[in-house]
Amino acid sequence: MVWLEERELRTGDAWEPEILSCIRQTVSLFVPVISGNTERKRESYVFKEWNEAVERSRGILGQRFIMPVVINDDYDGDARRFKQVPLDFKDFQFGHAPGGEPDAALTKDMISAIREVRRTDAA
């Protein structure tokens, strides 16, 4: 996952509470990036971030919040092959960005989701 922070973390900052707090309170759209690399890990901080987003999503109704994206070139649309992602992710349609480049469907969905967030924030 790429976390785009609004302010730069400085040497000595407590990065974990900062990241988890943003996921809990301020992130409008959570895009977990899933790959063969995440599947090979048994333990990773990213799993904590994913679970934090799942927990928050339970309180968000009627709006997309988690949009999982697979970057494997060979992704065939079957998210069940990814055993390391939270079970709750499997409730969502996964986007595809082979080699990190979003396909046309993902690009369209991301633009739509960002517009939804902006409309909600403006209201």
Protein backbone atom coordinates (compact mmCIF):
# COMPACT_ATOMS: atom_id res chain seq x y z
CA MET A 1 0.00 0.00 0.00
CA VAL A 2 1.24 3.48 -0.74
CA TRP A 3 0.35 5.87 2.01
CA LEU A 4 0.22 9.44 0.85
CA GLU A 5 0.64 11.58 3.88
CA GLU A 6 -0.52 15.15 4.19
CA ARG A 7 2.53 16.12 6.18
CA GLU A 8 5.98 14.70 6.09
CA LEU A 9 7.09 12.41 8.88
CA ARG A 10 10.28 13.65 10.47
CA THR A 11 13.07 11.82 12.20
CA GLY A 12 11.82 10.71 15.60
CA ASP A 13 8.11 10.91 14.70
CA ALA A 14 6.00 7.97 15.84
CA TRP A 15 4.97 6.73 12.40
CA GLU A 16 2.73 3.85 13.46
CA PRO A 17 0.14 5.91 15.38
CA GLU A 18 0.20 8.49 12.57
CA ILE A 19 -0.55 5.94 9.85
CA LEU A 20 -3.19 4.02 11.82
CA SER A 21 -4.86 7.25 12.93
CA CYS A 22 -5.15 8.40 9.32
CA ILE A 23 -6.66 5.06 8.30
CA ARG A 24 -9.11 5.25 11.23
CA GLN A 25 -10.16 8.85 10.74
CA THR A 26 -9.12 10.76 7.64
CA VAL A 27 -8.46 8.48 4.66
CA SER A 28 -11.36 8.71 2.22
CA LEU A 29 -10.34 5.87 -0.07
CA PHE A 30 -8.15 2.90 0.88
CA VAL A 31 -6.41 1.14 -2.01
CA PRO A 32 -4.50 -1.95 -0.85
CA VAL A 33 -2.00 -3.12 -3.45
CA ILE A 34 -1.86 -6.92 -3.60
CA SER A 35 0.77 -9.01 -5.34
CA GLY A 36 2.66 -12.26 -5.25
CA ASN A 37 5.03 -10.52 -2.83
CA THR A 38 2.29 -9.98 -0.26
CA GLU A 39 1.32 -13.64 -0.62
CA ARG A 40 4.82 -14.80 0.28
CA LYS A 41 4.88 -12.84 3.55
CA ARG A 42 3.78 -14.51 6.73
CA GLU A 43 4.07 -11.32 8.74
CA SER A 44 4.07 -7.70 7.63
CA TYR A 45 3.00 -4.31 8.88
CA VAL A 46 0.82 -3.93 5.80
CA PHE A 47 -1.48 -6.63 7.18
CA LYS A 48 -2.10 -4.43 10.23
CA GLU A 49 -3.01 -1.54 7.93
CA TRP A 50 -5.36 -3.74 5.91
CA ASN A 51 -7.15 -4.94 9.06
CA GLU A 52 -7.44 -1.37 10.34
CA ALA A 53 -9.14 -0.39 7.07
CA VAL A 54 -11.50 -3.38 7.30
CA GLU A 55 -12.49 -2.35 10.81
CA ARG A 56 -13.21 1.21 9.70
CA SER A 57 -15.17 0.05 6.66
CA ARG A 58 -17.74 -1.54 8.95
CA GLY A 59 -18.88 1.96 9.93
CA ILE A 60 -19.03 3.34 6.38
CA LEU A 61 -22.30 2.71 4.60
CA GLY A 62 -23.28 3.49 1.04
CA GLN A 63 -19.81 4.53 -0.12
CA ARG A 64 -16.81 2.72 -1.52
CA PHE A 65 -13.90 2.79 0.89
CA ILE A 66 -11.70 -0.25 0.21
CA MET A 67 -10.71 -0.81 -3.42
CA PRO A 68 -8.22 -3.71 -3.59
CA VAL A 69 -5.88 -3.72 -6.58
CA VAL A 70 -3.82 -6.66 -7.84
CA ILE A 71 -0.61 -5.83 -9.71
CA ASN A 72 0.29 -9.36 -10.85
CA ASP A 73 0.37 -9.65 -14.64
CA ASP A 74 -1.21 -13.11 -14.49
CA TYR A 75 -4.23 -12.14 -12.34
CA ASP A 76 -7.28 -13.89 -13.75
CA GLY A 77 -9.96 -12.15 -11.67
CA ASP A 78 -10.14 -14.85 -8.99
CA ALA A 79 -9.29 -13.15 -5.69
CA ARG A 80 -9.56 -16.45 -3.80
CA ARG A 81 -5.97 -17.24 -4.75
CA PHE A 82 -4.77 -14.54 -2.36
CA LYS A 83 -4.73 -16.17 1.07
CA GLN A 84 -3.01 -13.34 2.96
CA VAL A 85 -5.65 -10.67 2.37
CA PRO A 86 -8.37 -10.23 5.00
CA LEU A 87 -11.48 -12.30 4.33
CA ASP A 88 -13.49 -9.07 4.24
CA PHE A 89 -11.56 -7.95 1.14
CA LYS A 90 -13.13 -10.83 -0.74
CA ASP A 91 -16.47 -9.00 -0.48
CA PHE A 92 -15.09 -6.37 -2.87
CA GLN A 93 -14.37 -6.47 -6.58
CA PHE A 94 -10.61 -6.39 -7.11
CA GLY A 95 -9.12 -4.01 -9.64
CA HIS A 96 -6.22 -4.95 -11.89
CA ALA A 97 -3.07 -2.96 -12.57
CA PRO A 98 -0.67 -5.32 -14.35
CA GLY A 99 2.87 -4.30 -13.52
CA GLY A 100 1.48 -1.30 -11.64
CA GLU A 101 -0.35 0.17 -14.65
CA PRO A 102 -4.13 0.31 -14.07
CA ASP A 103 -6.27 -1.24 -16.77
CA ALA A 104 -9.13 0.76 -18.31
CA ALA A 105 -11.77 -0.63 -15.93
CA LEU A 106 -9.70 0.23 -12.84
CA THR A 107 -8.95 3.71 -14.13
CA LYS A 108 -12.66 4.33 -14.69
CA ASP A 109 -13.57 2.95 -11.25
CA MET A 110 -10.90 5.00 -9.46
CA ILE A 111 -12.00 8.22 -11.17
CA SER A 112 -15.59 7.46 -10.22
CA ALA A 113 -14.68 6.69 -6.59
CA ILE A 114 -12.61 9.89 -6.27
CA ARG A 115 -15.50 11.92 -7.66
CA GLU A 116 -17.87 10.28 -5.14
CA VAL A 117 -15.51 11.20 -2.30
CA ARG A 118 -15.26 14.80 -3.51
CA ARG A 119 -19.04 15.11 -3.78
CA THR A 120 -19.48 13.69 -0.29
CA ASP A 121 -16.79 15.97 1.16
CA ALA A 122 -18.31 19.03 -0.54
CA ALA A 123 -21.82 18.32 0.79
